[in-house]
Protein backbone atom coordinates (compact mmCIF):
# COMPACT_ATOMS: atom_id res chain seq x y z
CA MET A 1 12.10 15.85 3.06
CA ASN A 2 12.17 15.83 -0.83
CA LYS A 3 10.64 19.08 -1.88
CA ASN A 4 8.99 17.27 -4.78
CA GLN A 5 6.98 14.97 -2.58
CA ASP A 6 4.47 17.62 -1.51
CA ALA A 7 4.30 18.98 -5.02
CA GLY A 8 3.21 15.36 -6.19
CA PHE A 9 0.28 15.28 -3.86
CA GLY A 10 -3.00 14.40 -5.66
CA ILE A 11 -1.40 13.83 -9.13
CA GLN A 12 -3.30 11.45 -11.34
CA ASP A 13 -0.65 8.71 -11.30
CA SER A 14 -0.65 8.57 -7.46
CA VAL A 15 -1.61 5.58 -5.57
CA ILE A 16 -1.33 6.90 -2.15
CA SER A 17 -0.69 10.49 -1.12
CA CYS A 18 -0.57 12.22 2.21
CA ARG A 19 -0.16 15.95 3.00
CA ASN A 20 0.91 17.53 6.33
CA LEU A 21 0.28 14.26 8.17
CA SER A 22 0.73 14.44 11.90
CA LYS A 23 -0.07 11.94 14.70
CA THR A 24 0.01 12.73 18.41
CA PHE A 25 -0.67 10.11 21.16
CA MET A 26 -1.76 11.00 24.69
CA LEU A 27 0.38 9.49 27.53
CA GLY A 28 -1.74 10.43 30.50
CA LYS A 29 -2.09 14.24 30.24
CA LEU A 30 1.07 14.42 28.10
CA GLN A 31 0.92 14.92 24.32
CA VAL A 32 3.55 12.88 22.50
CA PRO A 33 4.00 13.84 18.85
CA VAL A 34 5.08 10.89 16.77
CA LEU A 35 4.71 12.10 13.20
CA LYS A 36 5.10 15.78 12.11
CA ASN A 37 3.66 17.33 8.94
CA ILE A 38 4.61 14.56 6.53
CA SER A 39 3.87 14.86 2.92
CA LEU A 40 4.51 12.07 0.50
CA ASN A 41 3.30 10.66 -2.90
CA ILE A 42 3.60 7.06 -3.93
CA ALA A 43 3.39 6.48 -7.70
CA ARG A 44 1.99 3.43 -9.50
CA GLY A 45 4.53 0.66 -9.60
CA GLU A 46 6.87 2.51 -7.22
CA ARG A 47 8.92 0.71 -4.48
CA ILE A 48 9.62 2.76 -1.43
CA ALA A 49 11.40 1.83 1.79
CA ILE A 50 10.91 3.72 5.07
CA VAL A 51 13.64 3.15 7.59
CA GLY A 52 14.25 4.47 11.11
CA SER A 53 15.11 3.44 14.58
CA SER A 54 12.81 1.38 16.77
CA GLY A 55 9.85 3.52 18.02
CA SER A 56 10.48 6.23 15.41
CA GLY A 57 6.85 5.92 14.17
CA LYS A 58 7.43 3.83 10.98
CA SER A 59 4.61 1.47 11.73
CA THR A 60 2.36 4.30 12.74
CA LEU A 61 3.00 5.98 9.42
CA LEU A 62 2.18 2.79 7.50
CA HIS A 63 -1.14 2.31 9.44
CA LEU A 64 -2.08 5.91 8.54
CA LEU A 65 -1.20 5.40 4.82
CA GLY A 66 -3.10 2.22 4.80
CA GLY A 67 -6.35 3.55 6.41
CA LEU A 68 -5.89 1.42 9.52
CA ASP A 69 -5.71 4.45 11.81
CA THR A 70 -6.67 8.13 11.64
CA ALA A 71 -4.30 11.04 11.79
CA SER A 72 -4.36 13.92 14.25
CA HIS A 73 -3.92 16.35 11.48
CA GLY A 74 -3.51 16.24 7.69
CA SER A 75 -5.00 14.05 4.95
CA VAL A 76 -4.43 10.69 3.24
CA GLU A 77 -5.63 9.84 -0.21
CA ILE A 78 -5.86 6.36 -1.63
CA LEU A 79 -6.49 6.42 -5.40
CA GLY A 80 -7.75 10.10 -4.92
CA GLN A 81 -10.17 9.36 -2.10
CA ASP A 82 -9.56 11.01 1.23
CA VAL A 83 -9.69 8.14 3.82
CA GLN A 84 -9.75 10.72 6.71
CA GLN A 85 -13.21 11.59 5.72
CA MET A 86 -14.56 8.08 5.54
CA ASN A 87 -16.15 6.04 8.17
CA GLU A 88 -14.68 2.64 9.21
CA THR A 89 -16.94 0.69 6.82
CA GLN A 90 -15.79 2.86 3.85
CA ARG A 91 -12.13 2.52 4.87
CA GLY A 92 -12.54 -1.30 5.19
CA LEU A 93 -13.94 -1.35 1.67
CA ILE A 94 -11.19 0.74 0.12
CA ARG A 95 -8.62 -1.35 1.86
CA ASN A 96 -10.07 -4.53 0.48
CA GLN A 97 -10.39 -3.24 -3.02
CA SER A 98 -7.10 -1.29 -3.36
CA LEU A 99 -4.48 -2.43 -0.74
CA GLY A 100 -2.63 -5.58 0.45
CA PHE A 101 -0.86 -5.89 3.78
CA VAL A 102 2.20 -7.98 4.87
CA TYR A 103 3.54 -8.05 8.37
CA GLN A 104 6.67 -9.37 10.05
CA PHE A 105 4.45 -12.17 11.50
CA HIS A 106 2.44 -13.76 8.78
CA HIS A 107 -0.91 -13.72 10.62
CA LEU A 108 -2.14 -16.77 8.58
CA LEU A 109 -5.27 -18.51 10.14
CA PRO A 110 -3.82 -21.80 11.50
CA GLU A 111 -6.94 -23.86 10.86
CA PHE A 112 -7.05 -23.03 7.20
CA THR A 113 -4.82 -24.30 4.31
CA ALA A 114 -2.52 -22.07 2.29
CA LEU A 115 -5.21 -22.05 -0.47
CA GLU A 116 -7.97 -20.99 1.92
CA ASN A 117 -5.77 -18.24 3.62
CA VAL A 118 -4.85 -16.71 0.20
CA ALA A 119 -8.53 -16.90 -0.87
CA MET A 120 -9.86 -15.18 2.20
CA PRO A 121 -9.69 -11.52 0.83
CA LEU A 122 -11.65 -12.65 -2.27
CA LEU A 123 -14.32 -14.24 -0.06
CA ILE A 124 -14.46 -11.02 2.05
CA ARG A 125 -15.00 -9.24 -1.23
CA GLY A 126 -18.04 -11.44 -1.92
CA MET A 127 -16.71 -13.91 -4.43
CA LYS A 128 -18.07 -17.36 -4.33
CA ARG A 129 -15.72 -19.96 -2.88
CA ARG A 130 -15.62 -22.04 -6.06
CA ASP A 131 -14.46 -18.91 -7.89
CA THR A 132 -11.83 -17.85 -5.45
CA GLU A 133 -9.85 -21.15 -5.55
CA PRO A 134 -8.47 -20.92 -9.08
CA VAL A 135 -7.37 -17.28 -8.40
CA ALA A 136 -5.74 -18.14 -5.05
CA ALA A 137 -4.02 -21.20 -6.65
CA ALA A 138 -2.63 -19.10 -9.47
CA MET A 139 -1.14 -16.55 -7.04
CA LEU A 140 0.37 -19.28 -4.93
CA GLU A 141 1.91 -20.70 -8.09
CA LYS A 142 3.42 -17.32 -8.70
CA VAL A 143 5.10 -17.39 -5.31
CA GLY A 144 6.39 -21.02 -5.97
CA LEU A 145 3.92 -22.74 -3.61
CA LEU A 146 1.66 -24.66 -5.96
CA HIS A 147 2.80 -27.82 -4.33
CA ARG A 148 1.74 -26.53 -0.92
CA LEU A 149 -1.86 -25.60 -1.64
CA HIS A 150 -3.45 -27.85 0.98
CA HIS A 151 -0.96 -27.53 3.72
CA LEU A 152 -1.77 -25.76 6.98
CA PRO A 153 0.52 -22.95 8.06
CA GLY A 154 2.06 -25.22 10.78
CA GLU A 155 3.26 -27.53 8.01
CA LEU A 156 5.14 -24.76 6.17
CA SER A 157 8.50 -23.36 6.85
CA GLY A 158 8.89 -19.71 7.92
CA GLY A 159 9.69 -18.68 4.36
CA GLU A 160 6.76 -20.55 2.89
CA ARG A 161 4.50 -18.93 5.40
CA GLN A 162 5.68 -15.45 4.52
CA ARG A 163 5.36 -16.22 0.87
CA THR A 164 1.75 -17.33 1.51
CA ALA A 165 1.17 -14.02 3.23
CA VAL A 166 2.50 -12.16 0.24
CA ALA A 167 0.24 -14.17 -2.08
CA ARG A 168 -2.71 -13.31 0.11
CA ALA A 169 -1.76 -9.57 -0.06
CA LEU A 170 -1.52 -9.66 -3.82
CA VAL A 171 -4.42 -12.01 -4.63
CA THR A 172 -6.87 -9.03 -5.03
CA GLU A 173 -4.37 -7.37 -7.58
CA PRO A 174 -4.14 -4.29 -5.16
CA ALA A 175 -2.73 -0.97 -6.41
CA CYS A 176 -0.30 -0.98 -3.39
CA VAL A 177 1.10 -3.42 -0.79
CA LEU A 178 2.15 -2.10 2.54
CA ALA A 179 4.66 -4.31 4.24
CA ASP A 180 5.77 -3.85 7.87
CA GLU A 181 9.17 -5.62 8.49
CA PRO A 182 8.37 -8.40 6.01
CA THR A 183 11.73 -10.03 6.31
CA GLY A 184 12.24 -9.32 10.09
CA ASN A 185 11.34 -12.86 11.18
CA LEU A 186 13.32 -14.66 8.39
CA ASP A 187 16.86 -15.96 7.99
CA LYS A 188 19.08 -14.20 5.40
CA HIS A 189 18.45 -16.63 2.65
CA SER A 190 14.64 -16.68 3.10
CA ALA A 191 14.79 -12.79 3.38
CA GLU A 192 16.58 -12.54 0.07
CA THR A 193 14.13 -14.96 -1.61
CA LEU A 194 11.18 -12.99 -0.39
CA PHE A 195 12.60 -9.63 -1.55
CA ASP A 196 13.37 -11.16 -5.04
CA LEU A 197 9.79 -12.34 -5.14
CA MET A 198 8.40 -8.89 -4.25
CA GLN A 199 10.49 -7.27 -6.88
CA GLN A 200 9.48 -9.80 -9.48
CA LEU A 201 5.68 -9.32 -8.59
CA ASN A 202 6.23 -5.51 -8.55
CA GLU A 203 7.54 -5.70 -12.13
CA GLN A 204 4.92 -8.24 -13.38
CA LEU A 205 1.87 -6.73 -11.79
CA GLY A 206 2.67 -3.07 -11.50
CA THR A 207 1.87 -3.13 -7.89
CA SER A 208 3.37 -0.42 -5.70
CA PHE A 209 5.24 -1.39 -2.49
CA ILE A 210 5.67 0.60 0.69
CA VAL A 211 8.14 -1.32 2.98
CA VAL A 212 8.91 -0.40 6.55
CA THR A 213 12.13 -2.06 7.53
CA HIS A 214 15.21 -2.07 9.86
CA ASP A 215 17.09 -3.96 7.05
CA LEU A 216 19.33 -1.48 5.30
CA SER A 217 20.22 -4.06 2.75
CA LEU A 218 16.51 -4.49 1.76
CA ALA A 219 16.09 -0.72 1.82
CA SER A 220 19.03 -0.18 -0.47
CA ARG A 221 17.33 -2.33 -3.14
CA MET A 222 14.27 -0.34 -3.34
CA GLN A 223 13.79 2.51 -5.84
CA LYS A 224 13.63 5.11 -3.00
CA SER A 225 14.70 5.01 0.58
CA LEU A 226 13.22 7.47 3.15
CA GLN A 227 14.31 7.84 6.78
CA LEU A 228 11.98 8.72 9.68
CA VAL A 229 13.88 10.89 12.24
CA ASP A 230 12.19 12.69 15.07
CA GLY A 231 8.82 12.33 13.34
CA VAL A 232 10.09 13.92 10.10
CA LEU A 233 10.49 11.92 6.86
CA GLN A 234 13.74 12.70 5.04
CA ASP A 235 15.37 11.44 1.85
CA SER A 236 17.77 8.75 2.64
CA ALA A 237 18.79 7.40 -0.84
CA CYS A 238 17.49 7.42 -4.33
CA LEU A 239 18.59 4.57 -6.53
């Protein structure tokens, strides 16, 4: 692990930080450690890839950093607030206010249009429907889908569905987007297009990205690449 990662914990420019983060699962009576004393700092506007073999705990780490799960030991801060000390309602609030999520499978609601899917986080935040639509449409325009506003997910290509999911993740202007294998279900051309889009939006909006991926080509184009081996996070490459 980079010795500077732990030293960076809690600095003012941090979006997400964790210290001594560990996660152990119970398999019957057997304790199975998945993550071991991980410390990491993600700065504003930083793009980080986390790589590792299948089952290495990459998704588990992403869920902990995003407040979707709780650690067995250690702490996670999102914008300086310790999510380990929050109840589920408080964690849900900070996720909606500060984070965006993108998954390998887009998880769009099939009965809603692209516009309605992208507007959903704003509705959850309490905005009126008439106020959400211009914001959602503007974000869909940023991802090149202004002409697809009123199409259902089933009427979109795989790449278009994933771009819609990215627009949904970004519509609240989060401090950080956490992406779990975002190109894993796409062909090479669509994956390249999606990565170029993420990089462009990162530069335009200053949003941090944490990307879990098997795709070493994608990882190599991030600012920093970290590898998860036997539950320990190690420097893989710094670009």
